[in-house]
Amino acid sequence: MPPRPSSTATPQGTEIRRETFNGNLIVMPEALIRDWQLPPVEDLQPADFDLLLPYDLEVILLGTGPRQRWPAPGLLDVMRQRNIGFEVMDTGAACRTYNILMADQRRVAAALIVAAS
């Protein structure tokens, strides 16, 4: 198994293993998806997260940039129907929560928005 990446939000972007990423990304213990293309948070659709389905995740943490912003309620409903926990928070909180859940060996992904869309 590859080393588990920990993440930290910084003013310049998201830092993972001392490397700073300036674009939106998805962090998982077994994968890193760079340059995640997405619409504004309010317009996110379930299809924007379909690339995560093969990972059989327990929870997705959506970090919405420097402040918490909410996607449409329909997105949360679909994630519930898929039996995937879906938590929305600012990117710094998403990084901290990801590190805790990852250390607890949970199947977690942090979908991190570096700057507001």
C-alpha atoms as a PDB file:
ATOM      1  CA  MET A   1       0.000   0.000   0.000  1.00  0.00           C
ATOM      2  CA  PRO A   2       1.394   3.473  -0.844  1.00  0.00           C
ATOM      3  CA  PRO A   3       2.112   5.915   1.979  1.00  0.00           C
ATOM      4  CA  ARG A   4      -1.016   7.654   3.176  1.00  0.00           C
ATOM      5  CA  PRO A   5      -0.922  11.323   2.214  1.00  0.00           C
ATOM      6  CA  SER A   6      -1.850  13.922   4.790  1.00  0.00           C
ATOM      7  CA  SER A   7      -3.182  17.255   3.653  1.00  0.00           C
ATOM      8  CA  THR A   8      -3.008  20.843   4.888  1.00  0.00           C
ATOM      9  CA  ALA A   9      -4.736  23.922   3.498  1.00  0.00           C
ATOM     10  CA  THR A  10      -2.428  26.916   3.040  1.00  0.00           C
ATOM     11  CA  PRO A  11      -3.068  30.373   1.563  1.00  0.00           C
ATOM     12  CA  GLN A  12      -1.142  29.217  -1.530  1.00  0.00           C
ATOM     13  CA  GLY A  13      -3.107  25.982  -2.049  1.00  0.00           C
ATOM     14  CA  THR A  14      -3.242  22.505  -0.563  1.00  0.00           C
ATOM     15  CA  GLU A  15      -0.057  20.911   0.744  1.00  0.00           C
ATOM     16  CA  ILE A  16       0.379  17.144   0.529  1.00  0.00           C
ATOM     17  CA  ARG A  17       3.678  15.600   1.602  1.00  0.00           C
ATOM     18  CA  ARG A  18       5.390  19.000   1.374  1.00  0.00           C
ATOM     19  CA  GLU A  19       4.170  19.594  -2.200  1.00  0.00           C
ATOM     20  CA  THR A  20       1.745  22.476  -2.799  1.00  0.00           C
ATOM     21  CA  PHE A  21      -1.121  22.057  -5.252  1.00  0.00           C
ATOM     22  CA  ASN A  22      -2.804  25.216  -6.534  1.00  0.00           C
ATOM     23  CA  GLY A  23      -5.777  23.604  -8.273  1.00  0.00           C
ATOM     24  CA  ASN A  24      -8.779  21.672  -7.071  1.00  0.00           C
ATOM     25  CA  LEU A  25      -7.976  18.076  -6.229  1.00  0.00           C
ATOM     26  CA  ILE A  26      -9.222  14.904  -4.627  1.00  0.00           C
ATOM     27  CA  VAL A  27      -7.072  13.197  -2.001  1.00  0.00           C
ATOM     28  CA  MET A  28      -7.501   9.578  -0.936  1.00  0.00           C
ATOM     29  CA  PRO A  29      -5.148   7.238   0.906  1.00  0.00           C
ATOM     30  CA  GLU A  30      -4.576   5.275  -2.321  1.00  0.00           C
ATOM     31  CA  ALA A  31      -4.935   7.992  -4.973  1.00  0.00           C
ATOM     32  CA  LEU A  32      -4.523  11.658  -5.798  1.00  0.00           C
ATOM     33  CA  ILE A  33      -6.638  13.226  -8.535  1.00  0.00           C
ATOM     34  CA  ARG A  34      -5.145  16.543  -9.665  1.00  0.00           C
ATOM     35  CA  ASP A  35      -6.826  19.399 -11.505  1.00  0.00           C
ATOM     36  CA  TRP A  36     -10.350  18.265 -10.652  1.00  0.00           C
ATOM     37  CA  GLN A  37     -12.579  20.280 -12.982  1.00  0.00           C
ATOM     38  CA  LEU A  38     -15.913  21.324 -11.537  1.00  0.00           C
ATOM     39  CA  PRO A  39     -18.602  23.993 -11.728  1.00  0.00           C
ATOM     40  CA  PRO A  40     -19.302  26.466  -8.901  1.00  0.00           C
ATOM     41  CA  VAL A  41     -20.156  24.706  -5.625  1.00  0.00           C
ATOM     42  CA  GLU A  42     -23.832  25.608  -5.898  1.00  0.00           C
ATOM     43  CA  ASP A  43     -24.008  23.861  -9.299  1.00  0.00           C
ATOM     44  CA  LEU A  44     -22.262  20.600  -8.355  1.00  0.00           C
ATOM     45  CA  GLN A  45     -24.059  17.477  -9.560  1.00  0.00           C
ATOM     46  CA  PRO A  46     -23.729  13.811  -8.557  1.00  0.00           C
ATOM     47  CA  ALA A  47     -21.909  13.179 -11.866  1.00  0.00           C
ATOM     48  CA  ASP A  48     -19.070  15.439 -10.638  1.00  0.00           C
ATOM     49  CA  PHE A  49     -18.296  12.710  -8.076  1.00  0.00           C
ATOM     50  CA  ASP A  50     -18.831   9.628 -10.267  1.00  0.00           C
ATOM     51  CA  LEU A  51     -15.059   9.241 -10.667  1.00  0.00           C
ATOM     52  CA  LEU A  52     -14.983   8.279  -6.967  1.00  0.00           C
ATOM     53  CA  LEU A  53     -17.485   5.417  -7.193  1.00  0.00           C
ATOM     54  CA  PRO A  54     -14.868   2.701  -7.931  1.00  0.00           C
ATOM     55  CA  TYR A  55     -13.129   3.496  -4.613  1.00  0.00           C
ATOM     56  CA  ASP A  56     -16.028   2.220  -2.437  1.00  0.00           C
ATOM     57  CA  LEU A  57     -15.779   5.186  -0.062  1.00  0.00           C
ATOM     58  CA  GLU A  58     -17.460   5.528   3.316  1.00  0.00           C
ATOM     59  CA  VAL A  59     -17.350   9.303   3.246  1.00  0.00           C
ATOM     60  CA  ILE A  60     -16.504  12.207   0.958  1.00  0.00           C
ATOM     61  CA  LEU A  61     -15.403  15.464   2.548  1.00  0.00           C
ATOM     62  CA  LEU A  62     -16.109  18.441   0.297  1.00  0.00           C
ATOM     63  CA  GLY A  63     -13.809  21.367   1.092  1.00  0.00           C
ATOM     64  CA  THR A  64     -15.427  24.419  -0.504  1.00  0.00           C
ATOM     65  CA  GLY A  65     -12.536  26.876  -0.386  1.00  0.00           C
ATOM     66  CA  PRO A  66     -11.685  29.410   2.318  1.00  0.00           C
ATOM     67  CA  ARG A  67     -15.281  29.496   3.555  1.00  0.00           C
ATOM     68  CA  GLN A  68     -18.038  26.931   3.739  1.00  0.00           C
ATOM     69  CA  ARG A  69     -20.472  27.024   0.809  1.00  0.00           C
ATOM     70  CA  TRP A  70     -23.355  24.645   0.213  1.00  0.00           C
ATOM     71  CA  PRO A  71     -24.104  22.574  -2.884  1.00  0.00           C
ATOM     72  CA  ALA A  72     -27.699  22.002  -3.968  1.00  0.00           C
ATOM     73  CA  PRO A  73     -29.630  19.757  -1.540  1.00  0.00           C
ATOM     74  CA  GLY A  74     -30.201  17.213  -4.320  1.00  0.00           C
ATOM     75  CA  LEU A  75     -26.490  16.334  -4.291  1.00  0.00           C
ATOM     76  CA  LEU A  76     -26.629  15.419  -0.610  1.00  0.00           C
ATOM     77  CA  ASP A  77     -29.751  13.312  -1.219  1.00  0.00           C
ATOM     78  CA  VAL A  78     -28.072  11.321  -4.007  1.00  0.00           C
ATOM     79  CA  MET A  79     -24.992  10.647  -1.866  1.00  0.00           C
ATOM     80  CA  ARG A  80     -27.252   9.375   0.913  1.00  0.00           C
ATOM     81  CA  GLN A  81     -28.993   7.081  -1.594  1.00  0.00           C
ATOM     82  CA  ARG A  82     -25.552   5.778  -2.628  1.00  0.00           C
ATOM     83  CA  ASN A  83     -24.759   5.095   1.064  1.00  0.00           C
ATOM     84  CA  ILE A  84     -21.820   7.498   0.979  1.00  0.00           C
ATOM     85  CA  GLY A  85     -21.415   9.968   3.810  1.00  0.00           C
ATOM     86  CA  PHE A  86     -21.020  13.472   2.400  1.00  0.00           C
ATOM     87  CA  GLU A  87     -19.798  16.314   4.584  1.00  0.00           C
ATOM     88  CA  VAL A  88     -19.423  19.933   3.467  1.00  0.00           C
ATOM     89  CA  MET A  89     -16.949  22.286   5.153  1.00  0.00           C
ATOM     90  CA  ASP A  90     -14.259  24.831   4.332  1.00  0.00           C
ATOM     91  CA  THR A  91     -11.100  23.368   2.795  1.00  0.00           C
ATOM     92  CA  GLY A  92      -8.990  23.764   5.949  1.00  0.00           C
ATOM     93  CA  ALA A  93     -11.536  21.827   8.009  1.00  0.00           C
ATOM     94  CA  ALA A  94     -11.796  19.193   5.264  1.00  0.00           C
ATOM     95  CA  CYS A  95      -8.011  18.668   5.373  1.00  0.00           C
ATOM     96  CA  ARG A  96      -7.998  18.304   9.155  1.00  0.00           C
ATOM     97  CA  THR A  97     -10.978  15.935   9.138  1.00  0.00           C
ATOM     98  CA  TYR A  98      -9.447  13.880   6.318  1.00  0.00           C
ATOM     99  CA  ASN A  99      -6.236  13.408   8.329  1.00  0.00           C
ATOM    100  CA  ILE A 100      -8.195  12.165  11.355  1.00  0.00           C
ATOM    101  CA  LEU A 101     -10.383   9.763   9.368  1.00  0.00           C
ATOM    102  CA  MET A 102      -7.441   8.513   7.325  1.00  0.00           C
ATOM    103  CA  ALA A 103      -5.460   7.812  10.515  1.00  0.00           C
ATOM    104  CA  ASP A 104      -8.472   5.794  11.694  1.00  0.00           C
ATOM    105  CA  GLN A 105      -8.149   3.754   8.446  1.00  0.00           C
ATOM    106  CA  ARG A 106     -11.529   4.894   7.112  1.00  0.00           C
ATOM    107  CA  ARG A 107     -12.282   4.804   3.367  1.00  0.00           C
ATOM    108  CA  VAL A 108     -12.341   8.573   2.893  1.00  0.00           C
ATOM    109  CA  ALA A 109     -11.783  11.113   0.139  1.00  0.00           C
ATOM    110  CA  ALA A 110     -11.257  14.843   0.500  1.00  0.00           C
ATOM    111  CA  ALA A 111     -12.552  16.713  -2.550  1.00  0.00           C
ATOM    112  CA  LEU A 112     -10.756  20.028  -2.103  1.00  0.00           C
ATOM    113  CA  ILE A 113     -11.550  23.320  -3.761  1.00  0.00           C
ATOM    114  CA  VAL A 114      -8.557  25.628  -3.405  1.00  0.00           C
ATOM    115  CA  ALA A 115     -10.344  28.864  -4.290  1.00  0.00           C
ATOM    116  CA  ALA A 116     -14.023  29.656  -4.552  1.00  0.00           C
ATOM    117  CA  SER A 117     -15.418  28.855  -8.000  1.00  0.00           C
END
